[in-house]
Each structure stands twice: as structure tokens, then as C-alpha cells.
Amino acid sequence: MDFFKQNQTAILVIVIVVIAFFAYSYFFTGKESSNAVLQEEQVSTATPADQDLISLLLELKSITLDEAIFSNQAFQSLEDFSQDLVNEPVGRVNPFAPLGQGQSRPASGQ
């Protein structure tokens, strides 16, 4: 009897772990047929919003791009108006340092 009183916490933890193992085994493992029923229920309980999303996804998957557009004269005549980005000087090495203590860095590329 003295042994059980001294090791009461350890015995209680072991009993809880064993019960948890059997509960997990009972509830989360089983036959494949029961899982198939659950999967069918999940598919059949799709909301209308889910159905709309699925139909939209299927529409997007069916879209094909005609590559002939890239050889079209109108596409070829387009001009690129992009501009190169100029390197700007960056701020202080430590922006959280008090003013006058942070040294400025040279601009990259100089």
C-alpha cells in the first residue's frame, strides 16, 4: 500500500496514457468502409459557394491561350515604355539610433 501512495502520480499518468491510447485506437482507426462513408458525406455537404468555386476553377482550367497572338503584327508593334530604376541613396545604418549617431551608407553602385 505504501508503494501506491509514493508513486500515485506516476501510476495516474500511466493509466491516463493507456486510456488515451485505447480511445485513440477506437475512434481514429477502423475499417476503410467507415472512412469511405465519411468521405462521401463530406463531398455531398458542399455548400453552393463551394460548388461555384469548383465550377469557376474548372472553367479556368479549360482556358487555352492561342500562341499565334505573339506573332500578330499588332502585338509586335507594341512599344516598351518602361524606365530604368535609378539607385537612390539609402538611409542610416541603424535607423533606430539617436540622431547624429547613425552613419549614412553610400548609395549602392557608387
PDB file of N, CA and C in Angstrom:
ATOM      1  N   MET A   1       0.816  -1.181   0.000  1.00  0.00           N
ATOM      2  CA  MET A   1       0.000   0.000   0.000  1.00  0.00           C
ATOM      3  C   MET A   1       0.868   1.255   0.000  1.00  0.00           C
ATOM      4  N   ASP A   2       1.984   1.200   0.677  1.00  0.00           N
ATOM      5  CA  ASP A   2       2.894   2.325   0.743  1.00  0.00           C
ATOM      6  C   ASP A   2       3.479   2.642  -0.638  1.00  0.00           C
ATOM      7  N   PHE A   3       3.680   1.618  -1.464  1.00  0.00           N
ATOM      8  CA  PHE A   3       4.208   1.790  -2.819  1.00  0.00           C
ATOM      9  C   PHE A   3       3.269   2.640  -3.673  1.00  0.00           C
ATOM     10  N   PHE A   4       1.955   2.392  -3.586  1.00  0.00           N
ATOM     11  CA  PHE A   4       0.981   3.136  -4.377  1.00  0.00           C
ATOM     12  C   PHE A   4       0.891   4.595  -3.946  1.00  0.00           C
ATOM     13  N   LYS A   5       1.029   4.864  -2.663  1.00  0.00           N
ATOM     14  CA  LYS A   5       0.965   6.245  -2.193  1.00  0.00           C
ATOM     15  C   LYS A   5       2.186   7.037  -2.636  1.00  0.00           C
ATOM     16  N   GLN A   6       3.346   6.397  -2.666  1.00  0.00           N
ATOM     17  CA  GLN A   6       4.567   7.080  -3.075  1.00  0.00           C
ATOM     18  C   GLN A   6       4.586   7.339  -4.575  1.00  0.00           C
ATOM     19  N   ASN A   7       4.007   6.461  -5.360  1.00  0.00           N
ATOM     20  CA  ASN A   7       4.054   6.564  -6.827  1.00  0.00           C
ATOM     21  C   ASN A   7       2.686   6.863  -7.414  1.00  0.00           C
ATOM     22  N   GLN A   8       1.835   7.516  -6.686  1.00  0.00           N
ATOM     23  CA  GLN A   8       0.471   7.787  -7.116  1.00  0.00           C
ATOM     24  C   GLN A   8       0.443   8.613  -8.406  1.00  0.00           C
ATOM     25  N   THR A   9       1.248   9.620  -8.521  1.00  0.00           N
ATOM     26  CA  THR A   9       1.265  10.475  -9.711  1.00  0.00           C
ATOM     27  C   THR A   9       1.733   9.705 -10.934  1.00  0.00           C
ATOM     28  N   ALA A  10       2.776   8.930 -10.796  1.00  0.00           N
ATOM     29  CA  ALA A  10       3.297   8.166 -11.923  1.00  0.00           C
ATOM     30  C   ALA A  10       2.285   7.127 -12.393  1.00  0.00           C
ATOM     31  N   ILE A  11       1.633   6.460 -11.453  1.00  0.00           N
ATOM     32  CA  ILE A  11       0.628   5.452 -11.824  1.00  0.00           C
ATOM     33  C   ILE A  11      -0.541   6.127 -12.517  1.00  0.00           C
ATOM     34  N   LEU A  12      -0.962   7.280 -12.022  1.00  0.00           N
ATOM     35  CA  LEU A  12      -2.073   8.008 -12.639  1.00  0.00           C
ATOM     36  C   LEU A  12      -1.725   8.428 -14.063  1.00  0.00           C
ATOM     37  N   VAL A  13      -0.521   8.891 -14.298  1.00  0.00           N
ATOM     38  CA  VAL A  13      -0.095   9.298 -15.636  1.00  0.00           C
ATOM     39  C   VAL A  13      -0.081   8.093 -16.570  1.00  0.00           C
ATOM     40  N   ILE A  14       0.412   6.972 -16.107  1.00  0.00           N
ATOM     41  CA  ILE A  14       0.449   5.756 -16.945  1.00  0.00           C
ATOM     42  C   ILE A  14      -0.958   5.309 -17.294  1.00  0.00           C
ATOM     43  N   VAL A  15      -1.874   5.338 -16.339  1.00  0.00           N
ATOM     44  CA  VAL A  15      -3.259   4.937 -16.597  1.00  0.00           C
ATOM     45  C   VAL A  15      -3.897   5.879 -17.614  1.00  0.00           C
ATOM     46  N   ILE A  16      -3.664   7.172 -17.497  1.00  0.00           N
ATOM     47  CA  ILE A  16      -4.236   8.141 -18.447  1.00  0.00           C
ATOM     48  C   ILE A  16      -3.675   7.920 -19.844  1.00  0.00           C
ATOM     49  N   VAL A  17      -2.386   7.643 -19.957  1.00  0.00           N
ATOM     50  CA  VAL A  17      -1.778   7.393 -21.275  1.00  0.00           C
ATOM     51  C   VAL A  17      -2.368   6.143 -21.895  1.00  0.00           C
ATOM     52  N   VAL A  18      -2.558   5.095 -21.120  1.00  0.00           N
ATOM     53  CA  VAL A  18      -3.131   3.845 -21.647  1.00  0.00           C
ATOM     54  C   VAL A  18      -4.562   4.084 -22.104  1.00  0.00           C
ATOM     55  N   ILE A  19      -5.349   4.795 -21.314  1.00  0.00           N
ATOM     56  CA  ILE A  19      -6.737   5.087 -21.702  1.00  0.00           C
ATOM     57  C   ILE A  19      -6.764   5.947 -22.966  1.00  0.00           C
ATOM     58  N   ALA A  20      -5.893   6.924 -23.054  1.00  0.00           N
ATOM     59  CA  ALA A  20      -5.840   7.779 -24.244  1.00  0.00           C
ATOM     60  C   ALA A  20      -5.459   6.965 -25.473  1.00  0.00           C
ATOM     61  N   PHE A  21      -4.535   6.031 -25.321  1.00  0.00           N
ATOM     62  CA  PHE A  21      -4.143   5.193 -26.454  1.00  0.00           C
ATOM     63  C   PHE A  21      -5.316   4.369 -26.955  1.00  0.00           C
ATOM     64  N   PHE A  22      -6.050   3.737 -26.035  1.00  0.00           N
ATOM     65  CA  PHE A  22      -7.185   2.917 -26.453  1.00  0.00           C
ATOM     66  C   PHE A  22      -8.296   3.783 -27.043  1.00  0.00           C
ATOM     67  N   ALA A  23      -8.518   4.962 -26.505  1.00  0.00           N
ATOM     68  CA  ALA A  23      -9.525   5.862 -27.058  1.00  0.00           C
ATOM     69  C   ALA A  23      -9.139   6.287 -28.471  1.00  0.00           C
ATOM     70  N   TYR A  24      -7.872   6.617 -28.662  1.00  0.00           N
ATOM     71  CA  TYR A  24      -7.404   6.993 -29.998  1.00  0.00           C
ATOM     72  C   TYR A  24      -7.565   5.825 -30.963  1.00  0.00           C
ATOM     73  N   SER A  25      -7.194   4.637 -30.529  1.00  0.00           N
ATOM     74  CA  SER A  25      -7.305   3.452 -31.378  1.00  0.00           C
ATOM     75  C   SER A  25      -8.757   3.196 -31.757  1.00  0.00           C
ATOM     76  N   TYR A  26      -9.650   3.390 -30.821  1.00  0.00           N
ATOM     77  CA  TYR A  26     -11.056   3.116 -31.074  1.00  0.00           C
ATOM     78  C   TYR A  26     -11.681   4.150 -32.019  1.00  0.00           C
ATOM     79  N   PHE A  27     -11.373   5.420 -31.806  1.00  0.00           N
ATOM     80  CA  PHE A  27     -12.040   6.467 -32.571  1.00  0.00           C
ATOM     81  C   PHE A  27     -11.377   6.800 -33.901  1.00  0.00           C
ATOM     82  N   PHE A  28     -10.056   6.691 -34.003  1.00  0.00           N
ATOM     83  CA  PHE A  28      -9.365   7.179 -35.184  1.00  0.00           C
ATOM     84  C   PHE A  28      -8.819   6.098 -36.101  1.00  0.00           C
ATOM     85  N   THR A  29      -8.895   4.868 -35.728  1.00  0.00           N
ATOM     86  CA  THR A  29      -8.517   3.792 -36.632  1.00  0.00           C
ATOM     87  C   THR A  29      -9.715   2.884 -36.774  1.00  0.00           C
ATOM     88  N   GLY A  30      -9.860   2.346 -37.950  1.00  0.00           N
ATOM     89  CA  GLY A  30     -11.011   1.478 -38.172  1.00  0.00           C
ATOM     90  C   GLY A  30     -10.977   0.923 -39.568  1.00  0.00           C
ATOM     91  N   LYS A  31     -12.118   0.465 -39.987  1.00  0.00           N
ATOM     92  CA  LYS A  31     -12.232  -0.137 -41.313  1.00  0.00           C
ATOM     93  C   LYS A  31     -12.283   0.951 -42.380  1.00  0.00           C
ATOM     94  N   GLU A  32     -11.845   0.591 -43.581  1.00  0.00           N
ATOM     95  CA  GLU A  32     -11.873   1.535 -44.703  1.00  0.00           C
ATOM     96  C   GLU A  32     -13.295   1.895 -45.097  1.00  0.00           C
ATOM     97  N   SER A  33     -14.228   0.987 -44.922  1.00  0.00           N
ATOM     98  CA  SER A  33     -15.605   1.258 -45.330  1.00  0.00           C
ATOM     99  C   SER A  33     -16.197   2.415 -44.531  1.00  0.00           C
ATOM    100  N   SER A  34     -15.872   2.521 -43.249  1.00  0.00           N
ATOM    101  CA  SER A  34     -16.411   3.629 -42.462  1.00  0.00           C
ATOM    102  C   SER A  34     -15.808   4.956 -42.913  1.00  0.00           C
ATOM    103  N   ASN A  35     -14.534   4.960 -43.332  1.00  0.00           N
ATOM    104  CA  ASN A  35     -13.918   6.183 -43.834  1.00  0.00           C
ATOM    105  C   ASN A  35     -14.533   6.584 -45.168  1.00  0.00           C
ATOM    106  N   ALA A  36     -14.869   5.614 -46.001  1.00  0.00           N
ATOM    107  CA  ALA A  36     -15.466   5.922 -47.299  1.00  0.00           C
ATOM    108  C   ALA A  36     -16.821   6.595 -47.112  1.00  0.00           C
ATOM    109  N   VAL A  37     -17.590   6.154 -46.132  1.00  0.00           N
ATOM    110  CA  VAL A  37     -18.886   6.774 -45.859  1.00  0.00           C
ATOM    111  C   VAL A  37     -18.685   8.217 -45.418  1.00  0.00           C
ATOM    112  N   LEU A  38     -17.702   8.455 -44.577  1.00  0.00           N
ATOM    113  CA  LEU A  38     -17.439   9.808 -44.122  1.00  0.00           C
ATOM    114  C   LEU A  38     -17.002  10.702 -45.265  1.00  0.00           C
ATOM    115  N   GLN A  39     -16.203  10.181 -46.165  1.00  0.00           N
ATOM    116  CA  GLN A  39     -15.750  10.969 -47.293  1.00  0.00           C
ATOM    117  C   GLN A  39     -16.905  11.307 -48.213  1.00  0.00           C
ATOM    118  N   GLU A  40     -17.814  10.397 -48.416  1.00  0.00           N
ATOM    119  CA  GLU A  40     -18.963  10.672 -49.275  1.00  0.00           C
ATOM    120  C   GLU A  40     -19.844  11.744 -48.657  1.00  0.00           C
ATOM    121  N   GLU A  41     -19.989  11.739 -47.336  1.00  0.00           N
ATOM    122  CA  GLU A  41     -20.783  12.765 -46.687  1.00  0.00           C
ATOM    123  C   GLU A  41     -20.155  14.136 -46.866  1.00  0.00           C
ATOM    124  N   GLN A  42     -18.840  14.208 -46.764  1.00  0.00           N
ATOM    125  CA  GLN A  42     -18.169  15.492 -46.898  1.00  0.00           C
ATOM    126  C   GLN A  42     -18.358  16.047 -48.302  1.00  0.00           C
ATOM    127  N   VAL A  43     -18.315  15.205 -49.315  1.00  0.00           N
ATOM    128  CA  VAL A  43     -18.500  15.669 -50.688  1.00  0.00           C
ATOM    129  C   VAL A  43     -19.932  16.126 -50.907  1.00  0.00           C
ATOM    130  N   SER A  44     -20.879  15.399 -50.331  1.00  0.00           N
ATOM    131  CA  SER A  44     -22.279  15.731 -50.558  1.00  0.00           C
ATOM    132  C   SER A  44     -22.726  16.956 -49.764  1.00  0.00           C
ATOM    133  N   THR A  45     -21.982  17.367 -48.747  1.00  0.00           N
ATOM    134  CA  THR A  45     -22.386  18.518 -47.950  1.00  0.00           C
ATOM    135  C   THR A  45     -21.709  19.808 -48.415  1.00  0.00           C
ATOM    136  N   ALA A  46     -21.245  19.855 -49.641  1.00  0.00           N
ATOM    137  CA  ALA A  46     -20.610  21.064 -50.169  1.00  0.00           C
ATOM    138  C   ALA A  46     -21.657  22.168 -50.280  1.00  0.00           C
ATOM    139  N   THR A  47     -21.287  23.357 -49.875  1.00  0.00           N
ATOM    140  CA  THR A  47     -22.205  24.492 -49.927  1.00  0.00           C
ATOM    141  C   THR A  47     -22.286  25.018 -51.360  1.00  0.00           C
ATOM    142  N   PRO A  48     -23.305  25.801 -51.662  1.00  0.00           N
ATOM    143  CA  PRO A  48     -23.396  26.382 -53.009  1.00  0.00           C
ATOM    144  C   PRO A  48     -22.186  27.245 -53.359  1.00  0.00           C
ATOM    145  N   ALA A  49     -21.617  27.918 -52.368  1.00  0.00           N
ATOM    146  CA  ALA A  49     -20.425  28.727 -52.633  1.00  0.00           C
ATOM    147  C   ALA A  49     -19.268  27.831 -53.042  1.00  0.00           C
ATOM    148  N   ASP A  50     -19.155  26.662 -52.413  1.00  0.00           N
ATOM    149  CA  ASP A  50     -18.113  25.710 -52.797  1.00  0.00           C
ATOM    150  C   ASP A  50     -18.330  25.217 -54.213  1.00  0.00           C
ATOM    151  N   GLN A  51     -19.571  24.948 -54.560  1.00  0.00           N
ATOM    152  CA  GLN A  51     -19.880  24.481 -55.912  1.00  0.00           C
ATOM    153  C   GLN A  51     -19.542  25.549 -56.947  1.00  0.00           C
ATOM    154  N   ASP A  52     -19.839  26.812 -56.626  1.00  0.00           N
ATOM    155  CA  ASP A  52     -19.494  27.906 -57.535  1.00  0.00           C
ATOM    156  C   ASP A  52     -17.986  28.011 -57.721  1.00  0.00           C
ATOM    157  N   LEU A  53     -17.254  27.857 -56.640  1.00  0.00           N
ATOM    158  CA  LEU A  53     -15.800  27.921 -56.710  1.00  0.00           C
ATOM    159  C   LEU A  53     -15.237  26.776 -57.540  1.00  0.00           C
ATOM    160  N   ILE A  54     -15.790  25.600 -57.367  1.00  0.00           N
ATOM    161  CA  ILE A  54     -15.331  24.444 -58.146  1.00  0.00           C
ATOM    162  C   ILE A  54     -15.635  24.639 -59.623  1.00  0.00           C
ATOM    163  N   SER A  55     -16.828  25.127 -59.945  1.00  0.00           N
ATOM    164  CA  SER A  55     -17.166  25.334 -61.359  1.00  0.00           C
ATOM    165  C   SER A  55     -16.287  26.426 -61.976  1.00  0.00           C
ATOM    166  N   LEU A  56     -15.977  27.473 -61.211  1.00  0.00           N
ATOM    167  CA  LEU A  56     -15.088  28.531 -61.700  1.00  0.00           C
ATOM    168  C   LEU A  56     -13.685  27.986 -61.938  1.00  0.00           C
ATOM    169  N   LEU A  57     -13.210  27.148 -61.030  1.00  0.00           N
ATOM    170  CA  LEU A  57     -11.896  26.532 -61.188  1.00  0.00           C
ATOM    171  C   LEU A  57     -11.851  25.655 -62.437  1.00  0.00           C
ATOM    172  N   LEU A  58     -12.905  24.904 -62.669  1.00  0.00           N
ATOM    173  CA  LEU A  58     -12.941  24.060 -63.868  1.00  0.00           C
ATOM    174  C   LEU A  58     -12.978  24.904 -65.139  1.00  0.00           C
ATOM    175  N   GLU A  59     -13.676  26.031 -65.095  1.00  0.00           N
ATOM    176  CA  GLU A  59     -13.684  26.940 -66.247  1.00  0.00           C
ATOM    177  C   GLU A  59     -12.288  27.493 -66.507  1.00  0.00           C
ATOM    178  N   LEU A  60     -11.598  27.891 -65.458  1.00  0.00           N
ATOM    179  CA  LEU A  60     -10.251  28.436 -65.623  1.00  0.00           C
ATOM    180  C   LEU A  60      -9.275  27.392 -66.147  1.00  0.00           C
ATOM    181  N   LYS A  61      -9.451  26.150 -65.737  1.00  0.00           N
ATOM    182  CA  LYS A  61      -8.560  25.093 -66.224  1.00  0.00           C
ATOM    183  C   LYS A  61      -8.789  24.820 -67.704  1.00  0.00           C
ATOM    184  N   SER A  62      -9.987  25.094 -68.195  1.00  0.00           N
ATOM    185  CA  SER A  62     -10.285  24.791 -69.592  1.00  0.00           C
ATOM    186  C   SER A  62      -9.823  25.900 -70.543  1.00  0.00           C
ATOM    187  N   ILE A  63      -9.356  27.026 -70.017  1.00  0.00           N
ATOM    188  CA  ILE A  63      -8.902  28.137 -70.857  1.00  0.00           C
ATOM    189  C   ILE A  63      -7.568  27.784 -71.502  1.00  0.00           C
ATOM    190  N   THR A  64      -7.493  28.011 -72.802  1.00  0.00           N
ATOM    191  CA  THR A  64      -6.229  27.803 -73.513  1.00  0.00           C
ATOM    192  C   THR A  64      -5.820  29.117 -74.164  1.00  0.00           C
ATOM    193  N   LEU A  65      -4.527  29.328 -74.286  1.00  0.00           N
ATOM    194  CA  LEU A  65      -4.002  30.552 -74.867  1.00  0.00           C
ATOM    195  C   LEU A  65      -3.506  30.252 -76.275  1.00  0.00           C
ATOM    196  N   ASP A  66      -4.005  31.021 -77.227  1.00  0.00           N
ATOM    197  CA  ASP A  66      -3.572  30.864 -78.609  1.00  0.00           C
ATOM    198  C   ASP A  66      -2.237  31.588 -78.760  1.00  0.00           C
ATOM    199  N   GLU A  67      -1.188  30.851 -79.000  1.00  0.00           N
ATOM    200  CA  GLU A  67       0.151  31.434 -79.083  1.00  0.00           C
ATOM    201  C   GLU A  67       0.362  32.243 -80.359  1.00  0.00           C
ATOM    202  N   ALA A  68      -0.564  32.196 -81.274  1.00  0.00           N
ATOM    203  CA  ALA A  68      -0.449  32.959 -82.510  1.00  0.00           C
ATOM    204  C   ALA A  68      -0.527  34.458 -82.247  1.00  0.00           C
ATOM    205  N   ILE A  69      -1.084  34.844 -81.104  1.00  0.00           N
ATOM    206  CA  ILE A  69      -1.202  36.265 -80.788  1.00  0.00           C
ATOM    207  C   ILE A  69       0.175  36.919 -80.671  1.00  0.00           C
ATOM    208  N   PHE A  70       1.182  36.154 -80.248  1.00  0.00           N
ATOM    209  CA  PHE A  70       2.518  36.720 -80.096  1.00  0.00           C
ATOM    210  C   PHE A  70       3.192  37.004 -81.437  1.00  0.00           C
ATOM    211  N   SER A  71       2.749  36.352 -82.480  1.00  0.00           N
ATOM    212  CA  SER A  71       3.320  36.618 -83.799  1.00  0.00           C
ATOM    213  C   SER A  71       2.450  37.602 -84.594  1.00  0.00           C
ATOM    214  N   ASN A  72       1.375  38.068 -83.996  1.00  0.00           N
ATOM    215  CA  ASN A  72       0.471  39.021 -84.636  1.00  0.00           C
ATOM    216  C   ASN A  72       1.190  40.365 -84.774  1.00  0.00           C
ATOM    217  N   GLN A  73       0.919  41.077 -85.877  1.00  0.00           N
ATOM    218  CA  GLN A  73       1.562  42.362 -86.158  1.00  0.00           C
ATOM    219  C   GLN A  73       1.196  43.404 -85.097  1.00  0.00           C
ATOM    220  N   ALA A  74      -0.030  43.386 -84.598  1.00  0.00           N
ATOM    221  CA  ALA A  74      -0.442  44.350 -83.574  1.00  0.00           C
ATOM    222  C   ALA A  74       0.355  44.140 -82.283  1.00  0.00           C
ATOM    223  N   PHE A  75       0.590  42.898 -81.916  1.00  0.00           N
ATOM    224  CA  PHE A  75       1.382  42.614 -80.727  1.00  0.00           C
ATOM    225  C   PHE A  75       2.837  43.008 -80.939  1.00  0.00           C
ATOM    226  N   GLN A  76       3.343  42.753 -82.123  1.00  0.00           N
ATOM    227  CA  GLN A  76       4.730  43.073 -82.438  1.00  0.00           C
ATOM    228  C   GLN A  76       4.970  44.582 -82.438  1.00  0.00           C
ATOM    229  N   SER A  77       3.925  45.374 -82.731  1.00  0.00           N
ATOM    230  CA  SER A  77       4.104  46.822 -82.812  1.00  0.00           C
ATOM    231  C   SER A  77       4.039  47.507 -81.443  1.00  0.00           C
ATOM    232  N   LEU A  78       3.755  46.806 -80.411  1.00  0.00           N
ATOM    233  CA  LEU A  78       3.707  47.408 -79.088  1.00  0.00           C
ATOM    234  C   LEU A  78       5.097  47.871 -78.667  1.00  0.00           C
ATOM    235  N   GLU A  79       5.156  49.016 -77.969  1.00  0.00           N
ATOM    236  CA  GLU A  79       6.431  49.563 -77.531  1.00  0.00           C
ATOM    237  C   GLU A  79       6.569  49.447 -76.017  1.00  0.00           C
ATOM    238  N   ASP A  80       7.794  49.286 -75.581  1.00  0.00           N
ATOM    239  CA  ASP A  80       8.090  49.191 -74.159  1.00  0.00           C
ATOM    240  C   ASP A  80       8.444  50.591 -73.657  1.00  0.00           C
ATOM    241  N   PHE A  81       7.596  51.136 -72.766  1.00  0.00           N
ATOM    242  CA  PHE A  81       7.818  52.470 -72.230  1.00  0.00           C
ATOM    243  C   PHE A  81       8.379  52.423 -70.815  1.00  0.00           C
ATOM    244  N   SER A  82       8.887  51.290 -70.405  1.00  0.00           N
ATOM    245  CA  SER A  82       9.399  51.191 -69.039  1.00  0.00           C
ATOM    246  C   SER A  82      10.662  52.025 -68.881  1.00  0.00           C
ATOM    247  N   GLN A  83      10.949  52.421 -67.659  1.00  0.00           N
ATOM    248  CA  GLN A  83      12.131  53.225 -67.364  1.00  0.00           C
ATOM    249  C   GLN A  83      13.008  52.461 -66.391  1.00  0.00           C
ATOM    250  N   ASP A  84      14.313  52.647 -66.552  1.00  0.00           N
ATOM    251  CA  ASP A  84      15.247  52.012 -65.635  1.00  0.00           C
ATOM    252  C   ASP A  84      15.159  52.693 -64.279  1.00  0.00           C
ATOM    253  N   LEU A  85      15.255  51.895 -63.234  1.00  0.00           N
ATOM    254  CA  LEU A  85      15.239  52.445 -61.887  1.00  0.00           C
ATOM    255  C   LEU A  85      16.628  52.927 -61.523  1.00  0.00           C
ATOM    256  N   VAL A  86      16.686  54.129 -60.988  1.00  0.00           N
ATOM    257  CA  VAL A  86      17.947  54.728 -60.609  1.00  0.00           C
ATOM    258  C   VAL A  86      18.207  54.393 -59.144  1.00  0.00           C
ATOM    259  N   ASN A  87      19.448  54.018 -58.832  1.00  0.00           N
ATOM    260  CA  ASN A  87      19.795  53.736 -57.442  1.00  0.00           C
ATOM    261  C   ASN A  87      19.739  55.019 -56.637  1.00  0.00           C
ATOM    262  N   GLU A  88      18.995  54.988 -55.544  1.00  0.00           N
ATOM    263  CA  GLU A  88      18.857  56.130 -54.653  1.00  0.00           C
ATOM    264  C   GLU A  88      19.706  55.883 -53.407  1.00  0.00           C
ATOM    265  N   PRO A  89      20.187  56.944 -52.787  1.00  0.00           N
ATOM    266  CA  PRO A  89      20.945  56.740 -51.556  1.00  0.00           C
ATOM    267  C   PRO A  89      20.026  56.175 -50.474  1.00  0.00           C
ATOM    268  N   VAL A  90      20.598  55.279 -49.676  1.00  0.00           N
ATOM    269  CA  VAL A  90      19.814  54.673 -48.607  1.00  0.00           C
ATOM    270  C   VAL A  90      20.044  55.438 -47.319  1.00  0.00           C
ATOM    271  N   GLY A  91      19.258  55.135 -46.314  1.00  0.00           N
ATOM    272  CA  GLY A  91      19.321  55.868 -45.059  1.00  0.00           C
ATOM    273  C   GLY A  91      20.463  55.441 -44.172  1.00  0.00           C
ATOM    274  N   ARG A  92      20.253  55.602 -42.888  1.00  0.00           N
ATOM    275  CA  ARG A  92      21.298  55.329 -41.907  1.00  0.00           C
ATOM    276  C   ARG A  92      21.507  53.832 -41.730  1.00  0.00           C
ATOM    277  N   VAL A  93      22.682  53.473 -41.198  1.00  0.00           N
ATOM    278  CA  VAL A  93      22.991  52.076 -40.933  1.00  0.00           C
ATOM    279  C   VAL A  93      22.016  51.525 -39.899  1.00  0.00           C
ATOM    280  N   ASN A  94      21.779  52.279 -38.838  1.00  0.00           N
ATOM    281  CA  ASN A  94      20.842  51.889 -37.798  1.00  0.00           C
ATOM    282  C   ASN A  94      19.776  52.970 -37.699  1.00  0.00           C
ATOM    283  N   PRO A  95      18.611  52.758 -38.277  1.00  0.00           N
ATOM    284  CA  PRO A  95      17.591  53.806 -38.262  1.00  0.00           C
ATOM    285  C   PRO A  95      17.015  54.066 -36.876  1.00  0.00           C
ATOM    286  N   PHE A  96      17.265  53.183 -35.912  1.00  0.00           N
ATOM    287  CA  PHE A  96      16.735  53.362 -34.572  1.00  0.00           C
ATOM    288  C   PHE A  96      17.720  54.050 -33.625  1.00  0.00           C
ATOM    289  N   ALA A  97      18.926  54.300 -34.087  1.00  0.00           N
ATOM    290  CA  ALA A  97      19.911  55.001 -33.263  1.00  0.00           C
ATOM    291  C   ALA A  97      19.507  56.466 -33.142  1.00  0.00           C
ATOM    292  N   PRO A  98      19.885  57.120 -32.041  1.00  0.00           N
ATOM    293  CA  PRO A  98      19.571  58.552 -31.901  1.00  0.00           C
ATOM    294  C   PRO A  98      20.199  59.347 -33.045  1.00  0.00           C
ATOM    295  N   LEU A  99      19.562  60.463 -33.377  1.00  0.00           N
ATOM    296  CA  LEU A  99      20.049  61.273 -34.491  1.00  0.00           C
ATOM    297  C   LEU A  99      21.473  61.723 -34.244  1.00  0.00           C
ATOM    298  N   GLY A 100      22.288  61.722 -35.287  1.00  0.00           N
ATOM    299  CA  GLY A 100      23.676  62.128 -35.194  1.00  0.00           C
ATOM    300  C   GLY A 100      24.603  60.964 -34.933  1.00  0.00           C
ATOM    301  N   GLN A 101      24.076  59.814 -34.526  1.00  0.00           N
ATOM    302  CA  GLN A 101      24.930  58.669 -34.250  1.00  0.00           C
ATOM    303  C   GLN A 101      24.902  57.647 -35.379  1.00  0.00           C
ATOM    304  N   GLY A 102      23.882  57.645 -36.192  1.00  0.00           N
ATOM    305  CA  GLY A 102      23.805  56.686 -37.291  1.00  0.00           C
ATOM    306  C   GLY A 102      24.575  57.193 -38.484  1.00  0.00           C
ATOM    307  N   GLN A 103      25.469  56.405 -38.992  1.00  0.00           N
ATOM    308  CA  GLN A 103      26.245  56.815 -40.154  1.00  0.00           C
ATOM    309  C   GLN A 103      25.462  56.485 -41.408  1.00  0.00           C
ATOM    310  N   SER A 104      25.537  57.351 -42.397  1.00  0.00           N
ATOM    311  CA  SER A 104      24.819  57.061 -43.635  1.00  0.00           C
ATOM    312  C   SER A 104      25.682  56.147 -44.494  1.00  0.00           C
ATOM    313  N   ARG A 105      25.008  55.341 -45.260  1.00  0.00           N
ATOM    314  CA  ARG A 105      25.691  54.411 -46.155  1.00  0.00           C
ATOM    315  C   ARG A 105      25.866  55.056 -47.516  1.00  0.00           C
ATOM    316  N   PRO A 106      26.871  54.683 -48.250  1.00  0.00           N
ATOM    317  CA  PRO A 106      26.944  55.159 -49.634  1.00  0.00           C
ATOM    318  C   PRO A 106      25.894  54.463 -50.471  1.00  0.00           C
ATOM    319  N   ALA A 107      25.454  55.132 -51.487  1.00  0.00           N
ATOM    320  CA  ALA A 107      24.455  54.549 -52.380  1.00  0.00           C
ATOM    321  C   ALA A 107      25.039  53.335 -53.054  1.00  0.00           C
ATOM    322  N   SER A 108      24.236  52.309 -53.204  1.00  0.00           N
ATOM    323  CA  SER A 108      24.743  51.100 -53.858  1.00  0.00           C
ATOM    324  C   SER A 108      25.028  51.399 -55.303  1.00  0.00           C
ATOM    325  N   GLY A 109      26.122  50.916 -55.778  1.00  0.00           N
ATOM    326  CA  GLY A 109      26.517  51.162 -57.169  1.00  0.00           C
ATOM    327  C   GLY A 109      27.525  52.289 -57.278  1.00  0.00           C
ATOM    328  N   GLN A 110      27.871  52.931 -56.141  1.00  0.00           N
ATOM    329  CA  GLN A 110      28.859  54.020 -56.194  1.00  0.00           C
ATOM    330  C   GLN A 110      30.138  53.586 -55.591  1.00  0.00           C
TER     331      GLN A 110
END
